[in-house]
């Protein structure tokens, strides 16, 4: 995995696994929240109870946040390593 961080093109065009999983978690959280809101608005059960959809949304958004923070930390380490090699 470390070899993927060694090329500067990776930081520009690629997000890596953590960035992709952050996107998936964020979009799933938005979809779950919309399903929960719609289910509550029409007072119906869409597969699950509306509160369960909202709990799924919170868990999914937290997962996405953790993935994005891992990606940001990896980018930070890459920048510090690149800066250290230039000096």
PDB file of N, CA and C in Angstrom:
ATOM      1  N   UNK A   1       0.823  -1.199   0.000  1.00  0.00           N
ATOM      2  CA  UNK A   1       0.000   0.000   0.000  1.00  0.00           C
ATOM      3  C   UNK A   1       0.865   1.260   0.000  1.00  0.00           C
ATOM      4  N   UNK A   2       2.035   1.185   0.616  1.00  0.00           N
ATOM      5  CA  UNK A   2       2.874   2.377   0.713  1.00  0.00           C
ATOM      6  C   UNK A   2       3.351   2.833  -0.665  1.00  0.00           C
ATOM      7  N   UNK A   3       3.527   1.921  -1.606  1.00  0.00           N
ATOM      8  CA  UNK A   3       4.008   2.331  -2.926  1.00  0.00           C
ATOM      9  C   UNK A   3       3.000   3.218  -3.643  1.00  0.00           C
ATOM     10  N   UNK A   4       1.709   3.089  -3.317  1.00  0.00           N
ATOM     11  CA  UNK A   4       0.718   3.938  -3.984  1.00  0.00           C
ATOM     12  C   UNK A   4       0.818   5.384  -3.505  1.00  0.00           C
ATOM     13  N   UNK A   5       1.383   5.607  -2.335  1.00  0.00           N
ATOM     14  CA  UNK A   5       1.532   6.980  -1.834  1.00  0.00           C
ATOM     15  C   UNK A   5       2.803   7.647  -2.347  1.00  0.00           C
ATOM     16  N   UNK A   6       3.682   6.892  -2.988  1.00  0.00           N
ATOM     17  CA  UNK A   6       4.978   7.443  -3.360  1.00  0.00           C
ATOM     18  C   UNK A   6       4.944   8.281  -4.626  1.00  0.00           C
ATOM     19  N   UNK A   7       3.905   8.165  -5.428  1.00  0.00           N
ATOM     20  CA  UNK A   7       3.837   8.941  -6.662  1.00  0.00           C
ATOM     21  C   UNK A   7       2.979  10.189  -6.462  1.00  0.00           C
ATOM     22  N   UNK A   8       3.422  11.355  -6.939  1.00  0.00           N
ATOM     23  CA  UNK A   8       2.632  12.571  -6.767  1.00  0.00           C
ATOM     24  C   UNK A   8       1.318  12.558  -7.528  1.00  0.00           C
ATOM     25  N   UNK A   9       1.229  11.769  -8.619  1.00  0.00           N
ATOM     26  CA  UNK A   9      -0.026  11.704  -9.367  1.00  0.00           C
ATOM     27  C   UNK A   9      -1.147  11.103  -8.529  1.00  0.00           C
ATOM     28  N   UNK A  10      -0.784  10.261  -7.572  1.00  0.00           N
ATOM     29  CA  UNK A  10      -1.798   9.643  -6.716  1.00  0.00           C
ATOM     30  C   UNK A  10      -2.549  10.697  -5.915  1.00  0.00           C
ATOM     31  N   UNK A  11      -1.850  11.698  -5.433  1.00  0.00           N
ATOM     32  CA  UNK A  11      -2.510  12.730  -4.640  1.00  0.00           C
ATOM     33  C   UNK A  11      -3.366  13.639  -5.503  1.00  0.00           C
ATOM     34  N   UNK A  12      -3.041  13.785  -6.759  1.00  0.00           N
ATOM     35  CA  UNK A  12      -3.776  14.693  -7.630  1.00  0.00           C
ATOM     36  C   UNK A  12      -5.032  14.038  -8.184  1.00  0.00           C
ATOM     37  N   UNK A  13      -4.908  12.841  -8.749  1.00  0.00           N
ATOM     38  CA  UNK A  13      -6.062  12.270  -9.452  1.00  0.00           C
ATOM     39  C   UNK A  13      -6.749  11.140  -8.712  1.00  0.00           C
ATOM     40  N   UNK A  14      -6.087  10.506  -7.781  1.00  0.00           N
ATOM     41  CA  UNK A  14      -6.684   9.345  -7.128  1.00  0.00           C
ATOM     42  C   UNK A  14      -7.000   9.606  -5.672  1.00  0.00           C
ATOM     43  N   UNK A  15      -8.098   9.033  -5.214  1.00  0.00           N
ATOM     44  CA  UNK A  15      -8.470   9.198  -3.818  1.00  0.00           C
ATOM     45  C   UNK A  15      -8.092   7.995  -2.983  1.00  0.00           C
ATOM     46  N   UNK A  16      -7.802   6.902  -3.613  1.00  0.00           N
ATOM     47  CA  UNK A  16      -7.459   5.704  -2.863  1.00  0.00           C
ATOM     48  C   UNK A  16      -8.695   5.035  -2.278  1.00  0.00           C
ATOM     49  N   UNK A  17      -8.455   3.970  -1.550  1.00  0.00           N
ATOM     50  CA  UNK A  17      -9.567   3.202  -0.985  1.00  0.00           C
ATOM     51  C   UNK A  17     -10.333   3.991   0.064  1.00  0.00           C
ATOM     52  N   UNK A  18      -9.618   4.729   0.886  1.00  0.00           N
ATOM     53  CA  UNK A  18     -10.284   5.471   1.961  1.00  0.00           C
ATOM     54  C   UNK A  18     -11.195   6.551   1.396  1.00  0.00           C
ATOM     55  N   UNK A  19     -10.766   7.234   0.362  1.00  0.00           N
ATOM     56  CA  UNK A  19     -11.602   8.264  -0.245  1.00  0.00           C
ATOM     57  C   UNK A  19     -12.840   7.689  -0.903  1.00  0.00           C
ATOM     58  N   UNK A  20     -12.671   6.556  -1.561  1.00  0.00           N
ATOM     59  CA  UNK A  20     -13.831   5.911  -2.203  1.00  0.00           C
ATOM     60  C   UNK A  20     -14.822   5.440  -1.148  1.00  0.00           C
ATOM     61  N   UNK A  21     -14.341   4.804  -0.089  1.00  0.00           N
ATOM     62  CA  UNK A  21     -15.238   4.348   0.964  1.00  0.00           C
ATOM     63  C   UNK A  21     -15.883   5.524   1.690  1.00  0.00           C
ATOM     64  N   UNK A  22     -15.171   6.638   1.804  1.00  0.00           N
ATOM     65  CA  UNK A  22     -15.779   7.836   2.381  1.00  0.00           C
ATOM     66  C   UNK A  22     -16.927   8.345   1.531  1.00  0.00           C
ATOM     67  N   UNK A  23     -16.739   8.317   0.224  1.00  0.00           N
ATOM     68  CA  UNK A  23     -17.816   8.735  -0.680  1.00  0.00           C
ATOM     69  C   UNK A  23     -19.010   7.795  -0.590  1.00  0.00           C
ATOM     70  N   UNK A  24     -18.742   6.502  -0.574  1.00  0.00           N
ATOM     71  CA  UNK A  24     -19.827   5.520  -0.485  1.00  0.00           C
ATOM     72  C   UNK A  24     -20.594   5.698   0.822  1.00  0.00           C
ATOM     73  N   UNK A  25     -19.874   5.842   1.931  1.00  0.00           N
ATOM     74  CA  UNK A  25     -20.534   6.026   3.222  1.00  0.00           C
ATOM     75  C   UNK A  25     -21.355   7.301   3.281  1.00  0.00           C
ATOM     76  N   UNK A  26     -20.831   8.370   2.708  1.00  0.00           N
ATOM     77  CA  UNK A  26     -21.552   9.641   2.709  1.00  0.00           C
ATOM     78  C   UNK A  26     -22.819   9.553   1.876  1.00  0.00           C
ATOM     79  N   UNK A  27     -22.729   9.011   0.671  1.00  0.00           N
ATOM     80  CA  UNK A  27     -23.910   8.917  -0.178  1.00  0.00           C
ATOM     81  C   UNK A  27     -24.948   7.951   0.376  1.00  0.00           C
ATOM     82  N   UNK A  28     -24.500   6.848   0.967  1.00  0.00           N
ATOM     83  CA  UNK A  28     -25.451   5.941   1.602  1.00  0.00           C
ATOM     84  C   UNK A  28     -26.160   6.621   2.766  1.00  0.00           C
ATOM     85  N   UNK A  29     -25.409   7.415   3.526  1.00  0.00           N
ATOM     86  CA  UNK A  29     -26.021   8.148   4.629  1.00  0.00           C
ATOM     87  C   UNK A  29     -27.083   9.110   4.146  1.00  0.00           C
ATOM     88  N   UNK A  30     -26.814   9.795   3.048  1.00  0.00           N
ATOM     89  CA  UNK A  30     -27.800  10.729   2.488  1.00  0.00           C
ATOM     90  C   UNK A  30     -29.035   9.963   2.001  1.00  0.00           C
ATOM     91  N   UNK A  31     -28.829   8.843   1.324  1.00  0.00           N
ATOM     92  CA  UNK A  31     -29.956   8.050   0.828  1.00  0.00           C
ATOM     93  C   UNK A  31     -30.791   7.514   1.990  1.00  0.00           C
ATOM     94  N   UNK A  32     -30.129   7.007   3.030  1.00  0.00           N
ATOM     95  CA  UNK A  32     -30.861   6.491   4.190  1.00  0.00           C
ATOM     96  C   UNK A  32     -31.644   7.600   4.880  1.00  0.00           C
ATOM     97  N   UNK A  33     -31.050   8.784   4.991  1.00  0.00           N
ATOM     98  CA  UNK A  33     -31.751   9.896   5.628  1.00  0.00           C
ATOM     99  C   UNK A  33     -32.979  10.300   4.826  1.00  0.00           C
ATOM    100  N   UNK A  34     -32.848  10.349   3.517  1.00  0.00           N
ATOM    101  CA  UNK A  34     -33.995  10.704   2.666  1.00  0.00           C
ATOM    102  C   UNK A  34     -35.103   9.660   2.806  1.00  0.00           C
ATOM    103  N   UNK A  35     -34.727   8.383   2.829  1.00  0.00           N
ATOM    104  CA  UNK A  35     -35.732   7.333   3.012  1.00  0.00           C
ATOM    105  C   UNK A  35     -36.431   7.464   4.364  1.00  0.00           C
ATOM    106  N   UNK A  36     -35.681   7.789   5.407  1.00  0.00           N
ATOM    107  CA  UNK A  36     -36.282   7.975   6.719  1.00  0.00           C
ATOM    108  C   UNK A  36     -37.213   9.165   6.763  1.00  0.00           C
ATOM    109  N   UNK A  37     -36.824  10.260   6.128  1.00  0.00           N
ATOM    110  CA  UNK A  37     -37.667  11.454   6.100  1.00  0.00           C
ATOM    111  C   UNK A  37     -38.936  11.208   5.292  1.00  0.00           C
ATOM    112  N   UNK A  38     -38.799  10.554   4.149  1.00  0.00           N
ATOM    113  CA  UNK A  38     -39.979  10.250   3.328  1.00  0.00           C
ATOM    114  C   UNK A  38     -40.909   9.295   4.072  1.00  0.00           C
ATOM    115  N   UNK A  39     -40.333   8.271   4.705  1.00  0.00           N
ATOM    116  CA  UNK A  39     -41.151   7.324   5.451  1.00  0.00           C
ATOM    117  C   UNK A  39     -41.905   7.983   6.589  1.00  0.00           C
ATOM    118  N   UNK A  40     -41.263   8.928   7.261  1.00  0.00           N
ATOM    119  CA  UNK A  40     -41.927   9.643   8.349  1.00  0.00           C
ATOM    120  C   UNK A  40     -42.986  10.605   7.816  1.00  0.00           C
ATOM    121  N   UNK A  41     -42.721  11.217   6.679  1.00  0.00           N
ATOM    122  CA  UNK A  41     -43.660  12.197   6.119  1.00  0.00           C
ATOM    123  C   UNK A  41     -44.943  11.530   5.634  1.00  0.00           C
ATOM    124  N   UNK A  42     -44.830  10.357   5.036  1.00  0.00           N
ATOM    125  CA  UNK A  42     -46.043   9.693   4.541  1.00  0.00           C
ATOM    126  C   UNK A  42     -46.602   8.709   5.565  1.00  0.00           C
ATOM    127  N   UNK A  43     -45.956   8.634   6.730  1.00  0.00           N
ATOM    128  CA  UNK A  43     -46.397   7.770   7.832  1.00  0.00           C
ATOM    129  C   UNK A  43     -46.568   6.326   7.363  1.00  0.00           C
ATOM    130  N   UNK A  44     -45.525   5.832   6.699  1.00  0.00           N
ATOM    131  CA  UNK A  44     -45.544   4.469   6.181  1.00  0.00           C
ATOM    132  C   UNK A  44     -44.208   3.801   6.458  1.00  0.00           C
ATOM    133  N   UNK A  45     -44.182   2.507   6.308  1.00  0.00           N
ATOM    134  CA  UNK A  45     -42.957   1.741   6.486  1.00  0.00           C
ATOM    135  C   UNK A  45     -42.391   1.407   5.109  1.00  0.00           C
ATOM    136  N   UNK A  46     -41.182   1.911   4.843  1.00  0.00           N
ATOM    137  CA  UNK A  46     -40.504   1.634   3.573  1.00  0.00           C
ATOM    138  C   UNK A  46     -39.399   0.617   3.876  1.00  0.00           C
ATOM    139  N   UNK A  47     -39.773  -0.635   3.962  1.00  0.00           N
ATOM    140  CA  UNK A  47     -38.796  -1.663   4.293  1.00  0.00           C
ATOM    141  C   UNK A  47     -38.552  -1.742   5.794  1.00  0.00           C
ATOM    142  N   UNK A  48     -38.110  -0.652   6.387  1.00  0.00           N
ATOM    143  CA  UNK A  48     -37.876  -0.546   7.829  1.00  0.00           C
ATOM    144  C   UNK A  48     -38.690   0.623   8.370  1.00  0.00           C
ATOM    145  N   UNK A  49     -38.738   0.712   9.682  1.00  0.00           N
ATOM    146  CA  UNK A  49     -39.369   1.879  10.311  1.00  0.00           C
ATOM    147  C   UNK A  49     -38.517   3.114  10.017  1.00  0.00           C
ATOM    148  N   UNK A  50     -39.138   4.300   9.950  1.00  0.00           N
ATOM    149  CA  UNK A  50     -38.382   5.514   9.630  1.00  0.00           C
ATOM    150  C   UNK A  50     -37.231   5.802  10.597  1.00  0.00           C
ATOM    151  N   UNK A  51     -37.410   5.515  11.884  1.00  0.00           N
ATOM    152  CA  UNK A  51     -36.332   5.788  12.843  1.00  0.00           C
ATOM    153  C   UNK A  51     -35.121   4.904  12.567  1.00  0.00           C
ATOM    154  N   UNK A  52     -35.355   3.681  12.082  1.00  0.00           N
ATOM    155  CA  UNK A  52     -34.252   2.787  11.752  1.00  0.00           C
ATOM    156  C   UNK A  52     -33.464   3.322  10.553  1.00  0.00           C
ATOM    157  N   UNK A  53     -34.166   3.893   9.565  1.00  0.00           N
ATOM    158  CA  UNK A  53     -33.481   4.503   8.422  1.00  0.00           C
ATOM    159  C   UNK A  53     -32.602   5.661   8.888  1.00  0.00           C
ATOM    160  N   UNK A  54     -33.105   6.443   9.833  1.00  0.00           N
ATOM    161  CA  UNK A  54     -32.315   7.576  10.320  1.00  0.00           C
ATOM    162  C   UNK A  54     -31.107   7.122  11.140  1.00  0.00           C
ATOM    163  N   UNK A  55     -31.264   6.038  11.897  1.00  0.00           N
ATOM    164  CA  UNK A  55     -30.122   5.482  12.624  1.00  0.00           C
ATOM    165  C   UNK A  55     -29.085   4.942  11.635  1.00  0.00           C
ATOM    166  N   UNK A  56     -29.554   4.266  10.587  1.00  0.00           N
ATOM    167  CA  UNK A  56     -28.631   3.804   9.541  1.00  0.00           C
ATOM    168  C   UNK A  56     -27.900   4.980   8.888  1.00  0.00           C
ATOM    169  N   UNK A  57     -28.618   6.084   8.684  1.00  0.00           N
ATOM    170  CA  UNK A  57     -27.999   7.267   8.085  1.00  0.00           C
ATOM    171  C   UNK A  57     -26.890   7.806   8.981  1.00  0.00           C
ATOM    172  N   UNK A  58     -27.144   7.892  10.276  1.00  0.00           N
ATOM    173  CA  UNK A  58     -26.126   8.402  11.196  1.00  0.00           C
ATOM    174  C   UNK A  58     -24.908   7.488  11.221  1.00  0.00           C
ATOM    175  N   UNK A  59     -25.137   6.184  11.294  1.00  0.00           N
ATOM    176  CA  UNK A  59     -24.015   5.232  11.316  1.00  0.00           C
ATOM    177  C   UNK A  59     -23.228   5.303  10.011  1.00  0.00           C
ATOM    178  N   UNK A  60     -23.910   5.391   8.899  1.00  0.00           N
ATOM    179  CA  UNK A  60     -23.239   5.452   7.605  1.00  0.00           C
ATOM    180  C   UNK A  60     -22.441   6.751   7.455  1.00  0.00           C
ATOM    181  N   UNK A  61     -23.013   7.850   7.905  1.00  0.00           N
ATOM    182  CA  UNK A  61     -22.291   9.124   7.833  1.00  0.00           C
ATOM    183  C   UNK A  61     -21.073   9.133   8.755  1.00  0.00           C
ATOM    184  N   UNK A  62     -21.182   8.518   9.915  1.00  0.00           N
ATOM    185  CA  UNK A  62     -20.014   8.409  10.794  1.00  0.00           C
ATOM    186  C   UNK A  62     -18.920   7.549  10.171  1.00  0.00           C
ATOM    187  N   UNK A  63     -19.323   6.457   9.519  1.00  0.00           N
ATOM    188  CA  UNK A  63     -18.350   5.618   8.813  1.00  0.00           C
ATOM    189  C   UNK A  63     -17.661   6.417   7.705  1.00  0.00           C
ATOM    190  N   UNK A  64     -18.453   7.184   6.942  1.00  0.00           N
ATOM    191  CA  UNK A  64     -17.874   8.020   5.889  1.00  0.00           C
ATOM    192  C   UNK A  64     -16.914   9.053   6.445  1.00  0.00           C
ATOM    193  N   UNK A  65     -17.269   9.637   7.594  1.00  0.00           N
ATOM    194  CA  UNK A  65     -16.401  10.632   8.223  1.00  0.00           C
ATOM    195  C   UNK A  65     -15.074  10.019   8.648  1.00  0.00           C
ATOM    196  N   UNK A  66     -15.134   8.826   9.225  1.00  0.00           N
ATOM    197  CA  UNK A  66     -13.901   8.148   9.637  1.00  0.00           C
ATOM    198  C   UNK A  66     -13.027   7.837   8.419  1.00  0.00           C
ATOM    199  N   UNK A  67     -13.641   7.405   7.331  1.00  0.00           N
ATOM    200  CA  UNK A  67     -12.875   7.126   6.105  1.00  0.00           C
ATOM    201  C   UNK A  67     -12.252   8.399   5.552  1.00  0.00           C
ATOM    202  N   UNK A  68     -13.015   9.485   5.528  1.00  0.00           N
ATOM    203  CA  UNK A  68     -12.462  10.745   5.026  1.00  0.00           C
ATOM    204  C   UNK A  68     -11.322  11.235   5.903  1.00  0.00           C
ATOM    205  N   UNK A  69     -11.443  11.075   7.221  1.00  0.00           N
ATOM    206  CA  UNK A  69     -10.352  11.486   8.107  1.00  0.00           C
ATOM    207  C   UNK A  69      -9.108  10.636   7.882  1.00  0.00           C
ATOM    208  N   UNK A  70      -9.288   9.345   7.630  1.00  0.00           N
ATOM    209  CA  UNK A  70      -8.143   8.489   7.299  1.00  0.00           C
ATOM    210  C   UNK A  70      -7.475   8.924   6.012  1.00  0.00           C
ATOM    211  N   UNK A  71      -8.284   9.294   5.025  1.00  0.00           N
ATOM    212  CA  UNK A  71      -7.740   9.768   3.751  1.00  0.00           C
ATOM    213  C   UNK A  71      -6.971  11.082   3.944  1.00  0.00           C
ATOM    214  N   UNK A  72      -7.544  11.995   4.721  1.00  0.00           N
ATOM    215  CA  UNK A  72      -6.889  13.289   4.973  1.00  0.00           C
ATOM    216  C   UNK A  72      -5.577  13.076   5.713  1.00  0.00           C
ATOM    217  N   UNK A  73      -5.568  12.183   6.696  1.00  0.00           N
ATOM    218  CA  UNK A  73      -4.346  11.905   7.425  1.00  0.00           C
ATOM    219  C   UNK A  73      -3.289  11.299   6.507  1.00  0.00           C
ATOM    220  N   UNK A  74      -3.696  10.411   5.609  1.00  0.00           N
ATOM    221  CA  UNK A  74      -2.757   9.842   4.641  1.00  0.00           C
ATOM    222  C   UNK A  74      -2.181  10.897   3.714  1.00  0.00           C
ATOM    223  N   UNK A  75      -3.022  11.822   3.256  1.00  0.00           N
ATOM    224  CA  UNK A  75      -2.541  12.917   2.407  1.00  0.00           C
ATOM    225  C   UNK A  75      -1.571  13.811   3.175  1.00  0.00           C
ATOM    226  N   UNK A  76      -1.885  14.070   4.433  1.00  0.00           N
ATOM    227  CA  UNK A  76      -0.997  14.889   5.264  1.00  0.00           C
ATOM    228  C   UNK A  76       0.370  14.223   5.404  1.00  0.00           C
ATOM    229  N   UNK A  77       0.377  12.923   5.685  1.00  0.00           N
ATOM    230  CA  UNK A  77       1.656  12.215   5.801  1.00  0.00           C
ATOM    231  C   UNK A  77       2.413  12.227   4.481  1.00  0.00           C
ATOM    232  N   UNK A  78       1.701  12.107   3.373  1.00  0.00           N
ATOM    233  CA  UNK A  78       2.350  12.138   2.060  1.00  0.00           C
ATOM    234  C   UNK A  78       2.984  13.508   1.811  1.00  0.00           C
ATOM    235  N   UNK A  79       2.277  14.563   2.142  1.00  0.00           N
ATOM    236  CA  UNK A  79       2.809  15.913   1.931  1.00  0.00           C
ATOM    237  C   UNK A  79       4.034  16.138   2.827  1.00  0.00           C
ATOM    238  N   UNK A  80       3.957  15.693   4.072  1.00  0.00           N
ATOM    239  CA  UNK A  80       5.108  15.869   4.980  1.00  0.00           C
ATOM    240  C   UNK A  80       6.316  15.062   4.487  1.00  0.00           C
ATOM    241  N   UNK A  81       6.079  13.868   3.974  1.00  0.00           N
ATOM    242  CA  UNK A  81       7.177  13.055   3.455  1.00  0.00           C
ATOM    243  C   UNK A  81       7.782  13.710   2.208  1.00  0.00           C
ATOM    244  N   UNK A  82       6.930  14.226   1.320  1.00  0.00           N
ATOM    245  CA  UNK A  82       7.421  14.886   0.116  1.00  0.00           C
ATOM    246  C   UNK A  82       8.181  16.160   0.470  1.00  0.00           C
ATOM    247  N   UNK A  83       7.667  16.915   1.412  1.00  0.00           N
ATOM    248  CA  UNK A  83       8.335  18.140   1.844  1.00  0.00           C
ATOM    249  C   UNK A  83       9.673  17.832   2.486  1.00  0.00           C
ATOM    250  N   UNK A  84       9.736  16.737   3.259  1.00  0.00           N
ATOM    251  CA  UNK A  84      10.989  16.347   3.900  1.00  0.00           C
ATOM    252  C   UNK A  84      12.036  15.923   2.884  1.00  0.00           C
ATOM    253  N   UNK A  85      11.648  15.309   1.771  1.00  0.00           N
ATOM    254  CA  UNK A  85      12.598  14.894   0.754  1.00  0.00           C
ATOM    255  C   UNK A  85      13.131  16.078  -0.040  1.00  0.00           C
ATOM    256  N   UNK A  86      12.325  17.142  -0.176  1.00  0.00           N
ATOM    257  CA  UNK A  86      12.762  18.315  -0.943  1.00  0.00           C
ATOM    258  C   UNK A  86      13.755  19.158  -0.155  1.00  0.00           C
ATOM    259  N   UNK A  87      13.668  19.130   1.155  1.00  0.00           N
ATOM    260  CA  UNK A  87      14.561  19.949   1.991  1.00  0.00           C
ATOM    261  C   UNK A  87      15.865  19.326   2.212  1.00  0.00           C
TER     262      UNK A  87
END
